[in-house]
Amino acid sequence: MTGSQESAGVDAANGRSDVCAICGREDVLTRHHLIPRTRHHNKRNKRLFAREQVRTTVGLCQPCHAQIHALFTEKQLEREFNTLDALTATPAMRTFIEWIREKPPGFKLQTRKDRRRPL
């Protein structure tokens, strides 16, 4: 495992969580594919991105991960929001990040997919 992979997961030796790449809270992380796995075999992706870039993952806390998938479709994530900077630049995500930063580790979020809402 490389240093970046170790820093994006849970440290099994002492049971410690790591820091979410979106909100910066220390919590148990999930792996988020910047280009969704359902879109990996898309011809456009094979043409535009290197194989390593298509398979890139980042460590996110469960609330941030759920919020991303509630706000954006798989195609939007593939085409418009395939970097952390692009994800965090949207007004809806900025508002969410400001709100979630105040929550304690282990906070559970109930999300509702509402893709009709403007970003």
PDB file of N, CA and C in Angstrom:
ATOM      1  N   MET A   1       0.843  -1.180   0.000  1.00  0.00           N
ATOM      2  CA  MET A   1       0.000   0.000   0.000  1.00  0.00           C
ATOM      3  C   MET A   1       0.884   1.238   0.000  1.00  0.00           C
ATOM      4  N   THR A   2       0.540   2.207  -0.833  1.00  0.00           N
ATOM      5  CA  THR A   2       1.333   3.427  -0.891  1.00  0.00           C
ATOM      6  C   THR A   2       0.912   4.370   0.217  1.00  0.00           C
ATOM      7  N   GLY A   3       1.708   5.406   0.440  1.00  0.00           N
ATOM      8  CA  GLY A   3       1.402   6.383   1.482  1.00  0.00           C
ATOM      9  C   GLY A   3       0.061   7.053   1.293  1.00  0.00           C
ATOM     10  N   SER A   4      -0.309   7.365   0.033  1.00  0.00           N
ATOM     11  CA  SER A   4      -1.582   8.029  -0.215  1.00  0.00           C
ATOM     12  C   SER A   4      -2.741   7.090   0.054  1.00  0.00           C
ATOM     13  N   GLN A   5      -2.580   5.779  -0.228  1.00  0.00           N
ATOM     14  CA  GLN A   5      -3.635   4.834   0.062  1.00  0.00           C
ATOM     15  C   GLN A   5      -3.781   4.649   1.568  1.00  0.00           C
ATOM     16  N   GLU A   6      -2.684   4.652   2.303  1.00  0.00           N
ATOM     17  CA  GLU A   6      -2.752   4.508   3.749  1.00  0.00           C
ATOM     18  C   GLU A   6      -3.436   5.707   4.382  1.00  0.00           C
ATOM     19  N   SER A   7      -3.192   6.889   3.859  1.00  0.00           N
ATOM     20  CA  SER A   7      -3.763   8.088   4.453  1.00  0.00           C
ATOM     21  C   SER A   7      -5.240   8.245   4.134  1.00  0.00           C
ATOM     22  N   ALA A   8      -5.753   7.484   3.147  1.00  0.00           N
ATOM     23  CA  ALA A   8      -7.145   7.622   2.759  1.00  0.00           C
ATOM     24  C   ALA A   8      -8.044   6.580   3.414  1.00  0.00           C
ATOM     25  N   GLY A   9      -7.547   5.769   4.334  1.00  0.00           N
ATOM     26  CA  GLY A   9      -8.347   4.732   4.950  1.00  0.00           C
ATOM     27  C   GLY A   9      -8.223   4.735   6.446  1.00  0.00           C
ATOM     28  N   VAL A  10      -8.696   3.663   7.046  1.00  0.00           N
ATOM     29  CA  VAL A  10      -8.650   3.535   8.493  1.00  0.00           C
ATOM     30  C   VAL A  10      -7.343   2.862   8.885  1.00  0.00           C
ATOM     31  N   ASP A  11      -6.695   3.375   9.902  1.00  0.00           N
ATOM     32  CA  ASP A  11      -5.460   2.794  10.417  1.00  0.00           C
ATOM     33  C   ASP A  11      -5.837   1.603  11.298  1.00  0.00           C
ATOM     34  N   ALA A  12      -5.656   0.386  10.765  1.00  0.00           N
ATOM     35  CA  ALA A  12      -6.094  -0.824  11.457  1.00  0.00           C
ATOM     36  C   ALA A  12      -5.317  -1.068  12.747  1.00  0.00           C
ATOM     37  N   ALA A  13      -4.089  -0.599  12.837  1.00  0.00           N
ATOM     38  CA  ALA A  13      -3.254  -0.862  14.007  1.00  0.00           C
ATOM     39  C   ALA A  13      -3.839  -0.259  15.284  1.00  0.00           C
ATOM     40  N   ASN A  14      -4.361   0.965  15.199  1.00  0.00           N
ATOM     41  CA  ASN A  14      -4.894   1.586  16.410  1.00  0.00           C
ATOM     42  C   ASN A  14      -6.383   1.938  16.312  1.00  0.00           C
ATOM     43  N   GLY A  15      -7.071   1.481  15.252  1.00  0.00           N
ATOM     44  CA  GLY A  15      -8.500   1.709  15.118  1.00  0.00           C
ATOM     45  C   GLY A  15      -8.874   3.155  14.880  1.00  0.00           C
ATOM     46  N   ARG A  16      -7.936   3.986  14.472  1.00  0.00           N
ATOM     47  CA  ARG A  16      -8.148   5.419  14.278  1.00  0.00           C
ATOM     48  C   ARG A  16      -8.741   5.682  12.900  1.00  0.00           C
ATOM     49  N   SER A  17      -9.597   6.657  12.808  1.00  0.00           N
ATOM     50  CA  SER A  17     -10.161   7.069  11.531  1.00  0.00           C
ATOM     51  C   SER A  17      -9.253   8.121  10.913  1.00  0.00           C
ATOM     52  N   ASP A  18      -9.478   8.411   9.660  1.00  0.00           N
ATOM     53  CA  ASP A  18      -8.732   9.457   8.986  1.00  0.00           C
ATOM     54  C   ASP A  18      -9.646  10.630   8.647  1.00  0.00           C
ATOM     55  N   VAL A  19      -9.091  11.597   7.974  1.00  0.00           N
ATOM     56  CA  VAL A  19      -9.783  12.845   7.691  1.00  0.00           C
ATOM     57  C   VAL A  19     -10.463  12.795   6.329  1.00  0.00           C
ATOM     58  N   CYS A  20     -11.711  13.224   6.291  1.00  0.00           N
ATOM     59  CA  CYS A  20     -12.497  13.279   5.056  1.00  0.00           C
ATOM     60  C   CYS A  20     -11.882  14.310   4.116  1.00  0.00           C
ATOM     61  N   ALA A  21     -11.765  13.963   2.838  1.00  0.00           N
ATOM     62  CA  ALA A  21     -11.174  14.855   1.843  1.00  0.00           C
ATOM     63  C   ALA A  21     -12.075  16.045   1.512  1.00  0.00           C
ATOM     64  N   ILE A  22     -13.355  15.972   1.842  1.00  0.00           N
ATOM     65  CA  ILE A  22     -14.289  17.056   1.536  1.00  0.00           C
ATOM     66  C   ILE A  22     -14.460  17.995   2.734  1.00  0.00           C
ATOM     67  N   CYS A  23     -14.872  17.446   3.869  1.00  0.00           N
ATOM     68  CA  CYS A  23     -15.218  18.315   5.002  1.00  0.00           C
ATOM     69  C   CYS A  23     -14.098  18.461   6.025  1.00  0.00           C
ATOM     70  N   GLY A  24     -13.115  17.568   5.983  1.00  0.00           N
ATOM     71  CA  GLY A  24     -12.003  17.659   6.920  1.00  0.00           C
ATOM     72  C   GLY A  24     -12.278  17.089   8.296  1.00  0.00           C
ATOM     73  N   ARG A  25     -13.453  16.468   8.498  1.00  0.00           N
ATOM     74  CA  ARG A  25     -13.752  15.858   9.800  1.00  0.00           C
ATOM     75  C   ARG A  25     -13.050  14.514   9.913  1.00  0.00           C
ATOM     76  N   GLU A  26     -12.666  14.157  11.126  1.00  0.00           N
ATOM     77  CA  GLU A  26     -12.081  12.851  11.362  1.00  0.00           C
ATOM     78  C   GLU A  26     -13.217  11.868  11.581  1.00  0.00           C
ATOM     79  N   ASP A  27     -13.284  10.849  10.734  1.00  0.00           N
ATOM     80  CA  ASP A  27     -14.373   9.887  10.781  1.00  0.00           C
ATOM     81  C   ASP A  27     -13.941   8.631  10.039  1.00  0.00           C
ATOM     82  N   VAL A  28     -14.748   7.593  10.103  1.00  0.00           N
ATOM     83  CA  VAL A  28     -14.492   6.393   9.313  1.00  0.00           C
ATOM     84  C   VAL A  28     -14.800   6.747   7.864  1.00  0.00           C
ATOM     85  N   LEU A  29     -13.896   6.395   6.961  1.00  0.00           N
ATOM     86  CA  LEU A  29     -14.034   6.826   5.575  1.00  0.00           C
ATOM     87  C   LEU A  29     -14.544   5.732   4.653  1.00  0.00           C
ATOM     88  N   THR A  30     -15.233   6.170   3.615  1.00  0.00           N
ATOM     89  CA  THR A  30     -15.640   5.305   2.512  1.00  0.00           C
ATOM     90  C   THR A  30     -14.828   5.720   1.297  1.00  0.00           C
ATOM     91  N   ARG A  31     -14.712   4.831   0.327  1.00  0.00           N
ATOM     92  CA  ARG A  31     -13.975   5.171  -0.892  1.00  0.00           C
ATOM     93  C   ARG A  31     -14.944   5.707  -1.935  1.00  0.00           C
ATOM     94  N   HIS A  32     -14.648   6.881  -2.458  1.00  0.00           N
ATOM     95  CA  HIS A  32     -15.456   7.483  -3.521  1.00  0.00           C
ATOM     96  C   HIS A  32     -14.639   7.490  -4.799  1.00  0.00           C
ATOM     97  N   HIS A  33     -15.165   6.880  -5.854  1.00  0.00           N
ATOM     98  CA  HIS A  33     -14.523   6.926  -7.161  1.00  0.00           C
ATOM     99  C   HIS A  33     -14.860   8.276  -7.798  1.00  0.00           C
ATOM    100  N   LEU A  34     -13.838   9.057  -8.135  1.00  0.00           N
ATOM    101  CA  LEU A  34     -14.094  10.362  -8.747  1.00  0.00           C
ATOM    102  C   LEU A  34     -14.821  10.207 -10.080  1.00  0.00           C
ATOM    103  N   ILE A  35     -14.514   9.162 -10.814  1.00  0.00           N
ATOM    104  CA  ILE A  35     -15.297   8.786 -11.990  1.00  0.00           C
ATOM    105  C   ILE A  35     -16.028   7.512 -11.583  1.00  0.00           C
ATOM    106  N   PRO A  36     -17.365   7.544 -11.520  1.00  0.00           N
ATOM    107  CA  PRO A  36     -18.116   6.398 -11.007  1.00  0.00           C
ATOM    108  C   PRO A  36     -17.766   5.082 -11.710  1.00  0.00           C
ATOM    109  N   ARG A  37     -17.744   4.017 -10.937  1.00  0.00           N
ATOM    110  CA  ARG A  37     -17.394   2.707 -11.489  1.00  0.00           C
ATOM    111  C   ARG A  37     -18.320   2.298 -12.617  1.00  0.00           C
ATOM    112  N   THR A  38     -19.583   2.714 -12.561  1.00  0.00           N
ATOM    113  CA  THR A  38     -20.525   2.358 -13.622  1.00  0.00           C
ATOM    114  C   THR A  38     -20.152   3.017 -14.948  1.00  0.00           C
ATOM    115  N   ARG A  39     -19.296   4.028 -14.897  1.00  0.00           N
ATOM    116  CA  ARG A  39     -18.913   4.769 -16.106  1.00  0.00           C
ATOM    117  C   ARG A  39     -17.484   4.450 -16.558  1.00  0.00           C
ATOM    118  N   HIS A  40     -16.778   3.540 -15.889  1.00  0.00           N
ATOM    119  CA  HIS A  40     -15.385   3.243 -16.214  1.00  0.00           C
ATOM    120  C   HIS A  40     -15.197   2.722 -17.634  1.00  0.00           C
ATOM    121  N   HIS A  41     -16.128   1.956 -18.148  1.00  0.00           N
ATOM    122  CA  HIS A  41     -15.962   1.345 -19.469  1.00  0.00           C
ATOM    123  C   HIS A  41     -16.512   2.210 -20.600  1.00  0.00           C
ATOM    124  N   ASN A  42     -16.923   3.392 -20.289  1.00  0.00           N
ATOM    125  CA  ASN A  42     -17.424   4.330 -21.290  1.00  0.00           C
ATOM    126  C   ASN A  42     -16.296   4.686 -22.265  1.00  0.00           C
ATOM    127  N   LYS A  43     -16.579   4.660 -23.555  1.00  0.00           N
ATOM    128  CA  LYS A  43     -15.551   4.965 -24.569  1.00  0.00           C
ATOM    129  C   LYS A  43     -14.975   6.358 -24.391  1.00  0.00           C
ATOM    130  N   ARG A  44     -15.813   7.298 -23.999  1.00  0.00           N
ATOM    131  CA  ARG A  44     -15.342   8.672 -23.777  1.00  0.00           C
ATOM    132  C   ARG A  44     -14.264   8.699 -22.694  1.00  0.00           C
ATOM    133  N   ASN A  45     -14.489   7.965 -21.604  1.00  0.00           N
ATOM    134  CA  ASN A  45     -13.507   7.925 -20.517  1.00  0.00           C
ATOM    135  C   ASN A  45     -12.208   7.296 -20.958  1.00  0.00           C
ATOM    136  N   LYS A  46     -12.295   6.238 -21.729  1.00  0.00           N
ATOM    137  CA  LYS A  46     -11.089   5.568 -22.206  1.00  0.00           C
ATOM    138  C   LYS A  46     -10.270   6.493 -23.101  1.00  0.00           C
ATOM    139  N   ARG A  47     -10.948   7.387 -23.812  1.00  0.00           N
ATOM    140  CA  ARG A  47     -10.277   8.327 -24.704  1.00  0.00           C
ATOM    141  C   ARG A  47      -9.690   9.522 -23.943  1.00  0.00           C
ATOM    142  N   LEU A  48     -10.410  10.023 -22.944  1.00  0.00           N
ATOM    143  CA  LEU A  48     -10.019  11.265 -22.268  1.00  0.00           C
ATOM    144  C   LEU A  48      -9.100  11.083 -21.061  1.00  0.00           C
ATOM    145  N   PHE A  49      -9.207   9.947 -20.380  1.00  0.00           N
ATOM    146  CA  PHE A  49      -8.484   9.774 -19.131  1.00  0.00           C
ATOM    147  C   PHE A  49      -7.554   8.576 -19.179  1.00  0.00           C
ATOM    148  N   ALA A  50      -6.433   8.688 -18.461  1.00  0.00           N
ATOM    149  CA  ALA A  50      -5.542   7.538 -18.284  1.00  0.00           C
ATOM    150  C   ALA A  50      -6.234   6.540 -17.359  1.00  0.00           C
ATOM    151  N   ARG A  51      -5.864   5.287 -17.478  1.00  0.00           N
ATOM    152  CA  ARG A  51      -6.493   4.235 -16.693  1.00  0.00           C
ATOM    153  C   ARG A  51      -6.407   4.514 -15.189  1.00  0.00           C
ATOM    154  N   GLU A  52      -5.247   4.979 -14.725  1.00  0.00           N
ATOM    155  CA  GLU A  52      -5.078   5.280 -13.301  1.00  0.00           C
ATOM    156  C   GLU A  52      -6.007   6.405 -12.864  1.00  0.00           C
ATOM    157  N   GLN A  53      -6.222   7.373 -13.736  1.00  0.00           N
ATOM    158  CA  GLN A  53      -7.078   8.508 -13.416  1.00  0.00           C
ATOM    159  C   GLN A  53      -8.540   8.063 -13.300  1.00  0.00           C
ATOM    160  N   VAL A  54      -8.951   7.139 -14.151  1.00  0.00           N
ATOM    161  CA  VAL A  54     -10.327   6.639 -14.109  1.00  0.00           C
ATOM    162  C   VAL A  54     -10.590   5.909 -12.801  1.00  0.00           C
ATOM    163  N   ARG A  55      -9.609   5.216 -12.273  1.00  0.00           N
ATOM    164  CA  ARG A  55      -9.785   4.404 -11.075  1.00  0.00           C
ATOM    165  C   ARG A  55      -9.411   5.116  -9.784  1.00  0.00           C
ATOM    166  N   THR A  56      -9.170   6.399  -9.821  1.00  0.00           N
ATOM    167  CA  THR A  56      -8.789   7.162  -8.640  1.00  0.00           C
ATOM    168  C   THR A  56      -9.930   7.216  -7.630  1.00  0.00           C
ATOM    169  N   THR A  57      -9.584   6.958  -6.372  1.00  0.00           N
ATOM    170  CA  THR A  57     -10.571   7.068  -5.293  1.00  0.00           C
ATOM    171  C   THR A  57     -10.053   8.036  -4.227  1.00  0.00           C
ATOM    172  N   VAL A  58     -10.992   8.599  -3.482  1.00  0.00           N
ATOM    173  CA  VAL A  58     -10.655   9.468  -2.353  1.00  0.00           C
ATOM    174  C   VAL A  58     -11.447   8.990  -1.145  1.00  0.00           C
ATOM    175  N   GLY A  59     -10.917   9.246   0.036  1.00  0.00           N
ATOM    176  CA  GLY A  59     -11.590   8.867   1.272  1.00  0.00           C
ATOM    177  C   GLY A  59     -12.561   9.953   1.714  1.00  0.00           C
ATOM    178  N   LEU A  60     -13.831   9.580   1.856  1.00  0.00           N
ATOM    179  CA  LEU A  60     -14.864  10.524   2.290  1.00  0.00           C
ATOM    180  C   LEU A  60     -15.635   9.926   3.455  1.00  0.00           C
ATOM    181  N   CYS A  61     -16.095  10.789   4.357  1.00  0.00           N
ATOM    182  CA  CYS A  61     -16.975  10.322   5.416  1.00  0.00           C
ATOM    183  C   CYS A  61     -18.323   9.958   4.784  1.00  0.00           C
ATOM    184  N   GLN A  62     -19.083   9.147   5.475  1.00  0.00           N
ATOM    185  CA  GLN A  62     -20.352   8.674   4.924  1.00  0.00           C
ATOM    186  C   GLN A  62     -21.319   9.817   4.593  1.00  0.00           C
ATOM    187  N   PRO A  63     -21.481  10.843   5.444  1.00  0.00           N
ATOM    188  CA  PRO A  63     -22.401  11.928   5.094  1.00  0.00           C
ATOM    189  C   PRO A  63     -22.001  12.679   3.807  1.00  0.00           C
ATOM    190  N   CYS A  64     -20.715  12.963   3.629  1.00  0.00           N
ATOM    191  CA  CYS A  64     -20.274  13.653   2.410  1.00  0.00           C
ATOM    192  C   CYS A  64     -20.494  12.775   1.186  1.00  0.00           C
ATOM    193  N   HIS A  65     -20.180  11.489   1.309  1.00  0.00           N
ATOM    194  CA  HIS A  65     -20.352  10.560   0.200  1.00  0.00           C
ATOM    195  C   HIS A  65     -21.833  10.473  -0.191  1.00  0.00           C
ATOM    196  N   ALA A  66     -22.701  10.360   0.803  1.00  0.00           N
ATOM    197  CA  ALA A  66     -24.138  10.286   0.538  1.00  0.00           C
ATOM    198  C   ALA A  66     -24.658  11.569  -0.103  1.00  0.00           C
ATOM    199  N   GLN A  67     -24.171  12.708   0.350  1.00  0.00           N
ATOM    200  CA  GLN A  67     -24.621  13.988  -0.192  1.00  0.00           C
ATOM    201  C   GLN A  67     -24.235  14.132  -1.661  1.00  0.00           C
ATOM    202  N   ILE A  68     -23.030  13.710  -2.000  1.00  0.00           N
ATOM    203  CA  ILE A  68     -22.576  13.782  -3.399  1.00  0.00           C
ATOM    204  C   ILE A  68     -23.510  12.966  -4.285  1.00  0.00           C
ATOM    205  N   HIS A  69     -23.817  11.742  -3.863  1.00  0.00           N
ATOM    206  CA  HIS A  69     -24.666  10.881  -4.688  1.00  0.00           C
ATOM    207  C   HIS A  69     -26.131  11.299  -4.655  1.00  0.00           C
ATOM    208  N   ALA A  70     -26.537  12.077  -3.664  1.00  0.00           N
ATOM    209  CA  ALA A  70     -27.898  12.611  -3.637  1.00  0.00           C
ATOM    210  C   ALA A  70     -28.040  13.809  -4.579  1.00  0.00           C
ATOM    211  N   LEU A  71     -26.976  14.580  -4.738  1.00  0.00           N
ATOM    212  CA  LEU A  71     -27.035  15.791  -5.562  1.00  0.00           C
ATOM    213  C   LEU A  71     -26.766  15.552  -7.045  1.00  0.00           C
ATOM    214  N   PHE A  72     -25.885  14.613  -7.351  1.00  0.00           N
ATOM    215  CA  PHE A  72     -25.414  14.466  -8.725  1.00  0.00           C
ATOM    216  C   PHE A  72     -25.700  13.080  -9.286  1.00  0.00           C
ATOM    217  N   THR A  73     -25.972  13.029 -10.585  1.00  0.00           N
ATOM    218  CA  THR A  73     -26.141  11.750 -11.266  1.00  0.00           C
ATOM    219  C   THR A  73     -24.761  11.181 -11.582  1.00  0.00           C
ATOM    220  N   GLU A  74     -24.723   9.908 -11.946  1.00  0.00           N
ATOM    221  CA  GLU A  74     -23.460   9.268 -12.303  1.00  0.00           C
ATOM    222  C   GLU A  74     -22.820   9.985 -13.497  1.00  0.00           C
ATOM    223  N   LYS A  75     -23.636  10.372 -14.448  1.00  0.00           N
ATOM    224  CA  LYS A  75     -23.111  11.052 -15.637  1.00  0.00           C
ATOM    225  C   LYS A  75     -22.557  12.433 -15.278  1.00  0.00           C
ATOM    226  N   GLN A  76     -23.214  13.154 -14.384  1.00  0.00           N
ATOM    227  CA  GLN A  76     -22.700  14.453 -13.944  1.00  0.00           C
ATOM    228  C   GLN A  76     -21.370  14.281 -13.228  1.00  0.00           C
ATOM    229  N   LEU A  77     -21.278  13.261 -12.379  1.00  0.00           N
ATOM    230  CA  LEU A  77     -20.022  13.010 -11.668  1.00  0.00           C
ATOM    231  C   LEU A  77     -18.906  12.696 -12.652  1.00  0.00           C
ATOM    232  N   GLU A  78     -19.216  11.935 -13.680  1.00  0.00           N
ATOM    233  CA  GLU A  78     -18.216  11.571 -14.680  1.00  0.00           C
ATOM    234  C   GLU A  78     -17.751  12.790 -15.483  1.00  0.00           C
ATOM    235  N   ARG A  79     -18.680  13.580 -15.943  1.00  0.00           N
ATOM    236  CA  ARG A  79     -18.345  14.646 -16.893  1.00  0.00           C
ATOM    237  C   ARG A  79     -17.993  15.986 -16.274  1.00  0.00           C
ATOM    238  N   GLU A  80     -18.674  16.365 -15.215  1.00  0.00           N
ATOM    239  CA  GLU A  80     -18.486  17.704 -14.665  1.00  0.00           C
ATOM    240  C   GLU A  80     -17.781  17.737 -13.311  1.00  0.00           C
ATOM    241  N   PHE A  81     -17.964  16.711 -12.511  1.00  0.00           N
ATOM    242  CA  PHE A  81     -17.502  16.743 -11.130  1.00  0.00           C
ATOM    243  C   PHE A  81     -16.532  15.603 -10.832  1.00  0.00           C
ATOM    244  N   ASN A  82     -15.517  15.424 -11.676  1.00  0.00           N
ATOM    245  CA  ASN A  82     -14.577  14.314 -11.520  1.00  0.00           C
ATOM    246  C   ASN A  82     -13.302  14.701 -10.783  1.00  0.00           C
ATOM    247  N   THR A  83     -13.326  15.846 -10.088  1.00  0.00           N
ATOM    248  CA  THR A  83     -12.223  16.261  -9.218  1.00  0.00           C
ATOM    249  C   THR A  83     -12.805  16.784  -7.906  1.00  0.00           C
ATOM    250  N   LEU A  84     -12.000  16.774  -6.861  1.00  0.00           N
ATOM    251  CA  LEU A  84     -12.465  17.316  -5.580  1.00  0.00           C
ATOM    252  C   LEU A  84     -12.774  18.807  -5.691  1.00  0.00           C
ATOM    253  N   ASP A  85     -11.959  19.526  -6.448  1.00  0.00           N
ATOM    254  CA  ASP A  85     -12.193  20.968  -6.608  1.00  0.00           C
ATOM    255  C   ASP A  85     -13.536  21.239  -7.268  1.00  0.00           C
ATOM    256  N   ALA A  86     -13.872  20.470  -8.291  1.00  0.00           N
ATOM    257  CA  ALA A  86     -15.148  20.657  -8.985  1.00  0.00           C
ATOM    258  C   ALA A  86     -16.317  20.317  -8.059  1.00  0.00           C
ATOM    259  N   LEU A  87     -16.178  19.259  -7.278  1.00  0.00           N
ATOM    260  CA  LEU A  87     -17.248  18.869  -6.349  1.00  0.00           C
ATOM    261  C   LEU A  87     -17.498  19.938  -5.294  1.00  0.00           C
ATOM    262  N   THR A  88     -16.431  20.461  -4.726  1.00  0.00           N
ATOM    263  CA  THR A  88     -16.585  21.419  -3.628  1.00  0.00           C
ATOM    264  C   THR A  88     -16.876  22.838  -4.095  1.00  0.00           C
ATOM    265  N   ALA A  89     -16.831  23.083  -5.385  1.00  0.00           N
ATOM    266  CA  ALA A  89     -17.075  24.427  -5.914  1.00  0.00           C
ATOM    267  C   ALA A  89     -18.561  24.730  -6.087  1.00  0.00           C
ATOM    268  N   THR A  90     -19.407  23.714  -6.067  1.00  0.00           N
ATOM    269  CA  THR A  90     -20.834  23.960  -6.273  1.00  0.00           C
ATOM    270  C   THR A  90     -21.438  24.580  -5.009  1.00  0.00           C
ATOM    271  N   PRO A  91     -22.377  25.501  -5.171  1.00  0.00           N
ATOM    272  CA  PRO A  91     -22.999  26.152  -4.002  1.00  0.00           C
ATOM    273  C   PRO A  91     -23.663  25.157  -3.044  1.00  0.00           C
ATOM    274  N   ALA A  92     -24.325  24.138  -3.586  1.00  0.00           N
ATOM    275  CA  ALA A  92     -25.001  23.159  -2.725  1.00  0.00           C
ATOM    276  C   ALA A  92     -23.998  22.410  -1.853  1.00  0.00           C
ATOM    277  N   MET A  93     -22.869  22.034  -2.417  1.00  0.00           N
ATOM    278  CA  MET A  93     -21.850  21.326  -1.635  1.00  0.00           C
ATOM    279  C   MET A  93     -21.166  22.257  -0.642  1.00  0.00           C
ATOM    280  N   ARG A  94     -20.906  23.505  -1.030  1.00  0.00           N
ATOM    281  CA  ARG A  94     -20.273  24.454  -0.102  1.00  0.00           C
ATOM    282  C   ARG A  94     -21.151  24.660   1.129  1.00  0.00           C
ATOM    283  N   THR A  95     -22.452  24.818   0.912  1.00  0.00           N
ATOM    284  CA  THR A  95     -23.389  24.983   2.019  1.00  0.00           C
ATOM    285  C   THR A  95     -23.375  23.742   2.911  1.00  0.00           C
ATOM    286  N   PHE A  96     -23.406  22.571   2.297  1.00  0.00           N
ATOM    287  CA  PHE A  96     -23.388  21.322   3.046  1.00  0.00           C
ATOM    288  C   PHE A  96     -22.096  21.181   3.851  1.00  0.00           C
ATOM    289  N   ILE A  97     -20.966  21.505   3.244  1.00  0.00           N
ATOM    290  CA  ILE A  97     -19.669  21.382   3.919  1.00  0.00           C
ATOM    291  C   ILE A  97     -19.611  22.281   5.148  1.00  0.00           C
ATOM    292  N   GLU A  98     -20.084  23.514   5.015  1.00  0.00           N
ATOM    293  CA  GLU A  98     -20.105  24.430   6.163  1.00  0.00           C
ATOM    294  C   GLU A  98     -20.964  23.854   7.285  1.00  0.00           C
ATOM    295  N   TRP A  99     -22.077  23.214   6.941  1.00  0.00           N
ATOM    296  CA  TRP A  99     -22.984  22.656   7.934  1.00  0.00           C
ATOM    297  C   TRP A  99     -22.398  21.403   8.589  1.00  0.00           C
ATOM    298  N   ILE A 100     -21.848  20.491   7.791  1.00  0.00           N
ATOM    299  CA  ILE A 100     -21.390  19.195   8.309  1.00  0.00           C
ATOM    300  C   ILE A 100     -20.125  19.321   9.162  1.00  0.00           C
ATOM    301  N   ARG A 101     -19.324  20.333   8.934  1.00  0.00           N
ATOM    302  CA  ARG A 101     -18.079  20.499   9.704  1.00  0.00           C
ATOM    303  C   ARG A 101     -18.324  20.609  11.198  1.00  0.00           C
ATOM    304  N   GLU A 102     -19.494  21.062  11.578  1.00  0.00           N
ATOM    305  CA  GLU A 102     -19.832  21.238  12.994  1.00  0.00           C
ATOM    306  C   GLU A 102     -20.320  19.955  13.648  1.00  0.00           C
ATOM    307  N   LYS A 103     -20.592  18.922  12.861  1.00  0.00           N
ATOM    308  CA  LYS A 103     -21.149  17.679  13.395  1.00  0.00           C
ATOM    309  C   LYS A 103     -20.042  16.778  13.940  1.00  0.00           C
ATOM    310  N   PRO A 104     -20.361  15.972  14.963  1.00  0.00           N
ATOM    311  CA  PRO A 104     -19.361  15.085  15.566  1.00  0.00           C
ATOM    312  C   PRO A 104     -19.077  13.873  14.681  1.00  0.00           C
ATOM    313  N   PRO A 105     -17.936  13.198  14.899  1.00  0.00           N
ATOM    314  CA  PRO A 105     -17.656  11.954  14.164  1.00  0.00           C
ATOM    315  C   PRO A 105     -18.765  10.938  14.422  1.00  0.00           C
ATOM    316  N   GLY A 106     -19.097  10.170  13.410  1.00  0.00           N
ATOM    317  CA  GLY A 106     -20.147   9.169  13.543  1.00  0.00           C
ATOM    318  C   GLY A 106     -21.539   9.706  13.284  1.00  0.00           C
ATOM    319  N   PHE A 107     -21.670  11.003  12.984  1.00  0.00           N
ATOM    320  CA  PHE A 107     -22.966  11.609  12.697  1.00  0.00           C
ATOM    321  C   PHE A 107     -23.586  10.926  11.484  1.00  0.00           C
ATOM    322  N   LYS A 108     -24.844  10.509  11.601  1.00  0.00           N
ATOM    323  CA  LYS A 108     -25.560   9.857  10.502  1.00  0.00           C
ATOM    324  C   LYS A 108     -26.465  10.863   9.826  1.00  0.00           C
ATOM    325  N   LEU A 109     -26.472  10.827   8.512  1.00  0.00           N
ATOM    326  CA  LEU A 109     -27.233  11.780   7.718  1.00  0.00           C
ATOM    327  C   LEU A 109     -28.324  11.048   6.969  1.00  0.00           C
ATOM    328  N   GLN A 110     -29.524  11.591   6.978  1.00  0.00           N
ATOM    329  CA  GLN A 110     -30.595  11.042   6.159  1.00  0.00           C
ATOM    330  C   GLN A 110     -30.704  11.920   4.924  1.00  0.00           C
ATOM    331  N   THR A 111     -30.376  11.345   3.763  1.00  0.00           N
ATOM    332  CA  THR A 111     -30.419  12.119   2.524  1.00  0.00           C
ATOM    333  C   THR A 111     -31.598  11.695   1.680  1.00  0.00           C
ATOM    334  N   ARG A 112     -32.015  12.618   0.843  1.00  0.00           N
ATOM    335  CA  ARG A 112     -33.091  12.368  -0.098  1.00  0.00           C
ATOM    336  C   ARG A 112     -32.583  12.828  -1.448  1.00  0.00           C
ATOM    337  N   LYS A 113     -32.660  11.959  -2.429  1.00  0.00           N
ATOM    338  CA  LYS A 113     -32.180  12.334  -3.759  1.00  0.00           C
ATOM    339  C   LYS A 113     -33.169  13.301  -4.373  1.00  0.00           C
ATOM    340  N   ASP A 114     -32.707  14.499  -4.647  1.00  0.00           N
ATOM    341  CA  ASP A 114     -33.540  15.528  -5.250  1.00  0.00           C
ATOM    342  C   ASP A 114     -32.715  16.182  -6.347  1.00  0.00           C
ATOM    343  N   ARG A 115     -32.708  15.586  -7.489  1.00  0.00           N
ATOM    344  CA  ARG A 115     -31.887  16.078  -8.590  1.00  0.00           C
ATOM    345  C   ARG A 115     -32.558  17.204  -9.363  1.00  0.00           C
ATOM    346  N   ARG A 116     -33.779  17.544  -8.996  1.00  0.00           N
ATOM    347  CA  ARG A 116     -34.462  18.655  -9.653  1.00  0.00           C
ATOM    348  C   ARG A 116     -33.993  19.981  -9.102  1.00  0.00           C
ATOM    349  N   ARG A 117     -33.402  19.931  -7.910  1.00  0.00           N
ATOM    350  CA  ARG A 117     -32.921  21.139  -7.254  1.00  0.00           C
ATOM    351  C   ARG A 117     -31.752  21.734  -8.010  1.00  0.00           C
ATOM    352  N   PRO A 118     -31.771  23.014  -8.304  1.00  0.00           N
ATOM    353  CA  PRO A 118     -30.632  23.619  -9.005  1.00  0.00           C
ATOM    354  C   PRO A 118     -29.377  23.624  -8.149  1.00  0.00           C
ATOM    355  N   LEU A 119     -28.237  23.475  -8.810  1.00  0.00           N
ATOM    356  CA  LEU A 119     -26.969  23.485  -8.103  1.00  0.00           C
ATOM    357  C   LEU A 119     -26.588  24.887  -7.895  1.00  0.00           C
TER     358      LEU A 119
END
